[in-house]
Amino acid sequence: MFERTKNTDPAGVSYRIRYFEPYPLFVKKSMGARLVDLDGNVYTDYSGTHMTVILGHSHPIVTEPIKRQAEKGWLSGLSQELEVAHAEAIAKHAPSAEMIRYCSSGSEVNSLAI
């Protein structure tokens, strides 16, 4: 896979920190704190995907609501009740967040803030 990705990604990795000697790991599956590479080797993920998956990979408390929402659709391009409920939850837990605006990128957020 490393030789293959060299055709599309500089240095054969999409992000420099992912390179390990003699070649980067390519993950096939992740569950809990375990990662399985394309060769079937099992690793413990001590970084938690840079601490973004503190409950572990594929935890049911995260995957089940995603599955339920996917059955209803996830992108209509229009406002929906779920985004209002989410904004209310953020405001409840972060009182300084008086107003919420969803954006697609950090650049868009900065532009709107200015």
Protein backbone atom coordinates (compact mmCIF):
# COMPACT_ATOMS: atom_id res chain seq x y z
CA MET A 1 0.00 0.00 0.00
CA PHE A 2 2.93 2.32 0.74
CA GLU A 3 4.26 1.88 -2.82
CA ARG A 4 0.78 2.50 -4.21
CA THR A 5 0.18 5.70 -2.22
CA LYS A 6 3.50 7.15 -3.36
CA ASN A 7 1.74 7.72 -6.69
CA THR A 8 -0.80 10.09 -5.15
CA ASP A 9 0.65 11.48 -1.90
CA PRO A 10 4.01 13.26 -1.43
CA ALA A 11 6.39 10.97 0.50
CA GLY A 12 3.69 8.29 0.45
CA VAL A 13 1.66 9.74 3.34
CA SER A 14 -1.23 12.19 3.46
CA TYR A 15 0.12 13.78 6.63
CA ARG A 16 3.82 13.81 7.63
CA ILE A 17 3.31 12.59 11.21
CA ARG A 18 1.85 9.34 9.82
CA TYR A 19 5.18 8.21 8.41
CA PHE A 20 7.03 5.53 10.37
CA GLU A 21 10.19 3.66 9.35
CA PRO A 22 10.39 1.52 7.32
CA TYR A 23 6.90 2.39 6.07
CA PRO A 24 3.69 3.90 7.48
CA LEU A 25 0.90 1.81 8.96
CA PHE A 26 -2.28 1.46 6.96
CA VAL A 27 -5.22 0.72 9.24
CA LYS A 28 -7.85 -1.74 8.08
CA LYS A 29 -10.06 -1.70 11.18
CA SER A 30 -10.21 0.00 14.55
CA MET A 31 -12.24 -1.06 17.58
CA GLY A 32 -11.93 0.16 21.15
CA ALA A 33 -8.25 0.87 21.78
CA ARG A 34 -7.06 -1.52 19.06
CA LEU A 35 -5.95 -0.87 15.49
CA VAL A 36 -5.54 -3.64 12.93
CA ASP A 37 -3.30 -3.00 9.94
CA LEU A 38 -3.61 -4.41 6.42
CA ASP A 39 -1.30 -7.29 7.38
CA GLY A 40 -3.50 -8.27 10.34
CA ASN A 41 -1.11 -6.96 13.02
CA VAL A 42 -2.90 -5.60 16.10
CA TYR A 43 -1.73 -2.43 17.84
CA THR A 44 -2.88 -0.46 20.87
CA ASP A 45 -3.82 3.11 19.98
CA TYR A 46 -2.33 5.11 22.84
CA SER A 47 -3.02 8.44 21.13
CA GLY A 48 -6.77 7.89 20.75
CA THR A 49 -6.53 9.38 17.28
CA HIS A 50 -4.88 12.47 18.74
CA MET A 51 -7.35 12.32 21.67
CA THR A 52 -10.44 12.73 19.47
CA VAL A 53 -11.86 9.28 20.24
CA ILE A 54 -11.67 9.25 24.03
CA LEU A 55 -14.32 6.53 24.18
CA GLY A 56 -12.34 4.30 21.82
CA HIS A 57 -12.85 3.48 18.16
CA SER A 58 -16.34 2.40 17.09
CA HIS A 59 -17.85 2.78 20.57
CA PRO A 60 -21.61 2.01 20.46
CA ILE A 61 -22.51 5.22 22.31
CA VAL A 62 -21.16 7.06 19.26
CA THR A 63 -21.94 4.65 16.41
CA GLU A 64 -25.57 3.92 17.29
CA PRO A 65 -26.81 7.53 17.04
CA ILE A 66 -24.84 7.92 13.80
CA LYS A 67 -26.57 4.84 12.35
CA ARG A 68 -29.99 6.13 13.43
CA GLN A 69 -29.36 9.52 11.84
CA ALA A 70 -27.93 8.01 8.65
CA GLU A 71 -31.23 6.20 8.12
CA LYS A 72 -33.00 9.59 8.23
CA GLY A 73 -30.48 11.32 5.98
CA TRP A 74 -27.65 13.58 7.06
CA LEU A 75 -27.39 16.45 4.62
CA SER A 76 -30.39 18.28 3.25
CA GLY A 77 -28.77 21.67 2.85
CA LEU A 78 -31.57 23.13 4.96
CA SER A 79 -32.06 23.76 8.66
CA GLN A 80 -33.36 20.92 10.78
CA GLU A 81 -34.43 20.31 14.36
CA LEU A 82 -31.28 18.34 15.23
CA GLU A 83 -29.00 21.35 14.63
CA VAL A 84 -31.19 23.53 16.86
CA ALA A 85 -31.08 20.92 19.64
CA HIS A 86 -27.30 20.69 19.23
CA ALA A 87 -26.87 24.47 19.46
CA GLU A 88 -29.07 24.53 22.58
CA ALA A 89 -26.93 21.79 24.17
CA ILE A 90 -23.73 23.72 23.43
CA ALA A 91 -25.19 26.92 24.89
CA LYS A 92 -26.36 25.04 27.98
CA HIS A 93 -22.93 23.55 28.68
CA ALA A 94 -20.93 26.60 27.59
CA PRO A 95 -22.89 29.65 28.80
CA SER A 96 -20.40 32.00 27.13
CA ALA A 97 -21.50 30.58 23.76
CA GLU A 98 -24.48 32.88 23.46
CA MET A 99 -24.97 32.26 19.73
CA ILE A 100 -23.95 29.32 17.57
CA ARG A 101 -23.09 29.33 13.87
CA TYR A 102 -22.05 26.20 12.01
CA CYS A 103 -19.32 26.52 9.40
CA SER A 104 -17.49 24.23 7.03
CA SER A 105 -13.95 25.42 7.71
CA GLY A 106 -11.76 27.40 10.05
CA SER A 107 -11.34 30.01 7.30
CA GLU A 108 -15.10 30.48 7.13
CA VAL A 109 -15.31 30.82 10.93
CA ASN A 110 -12.59 33.49 10.95
CA SER A 111 -14.21 35.37 8.09
CA LEU A 112 -17.58 35.45 9.84
CA ALA A 113 -15.98 36.45 13.16
CA ILE A 114 -14.27 39.41 11.54
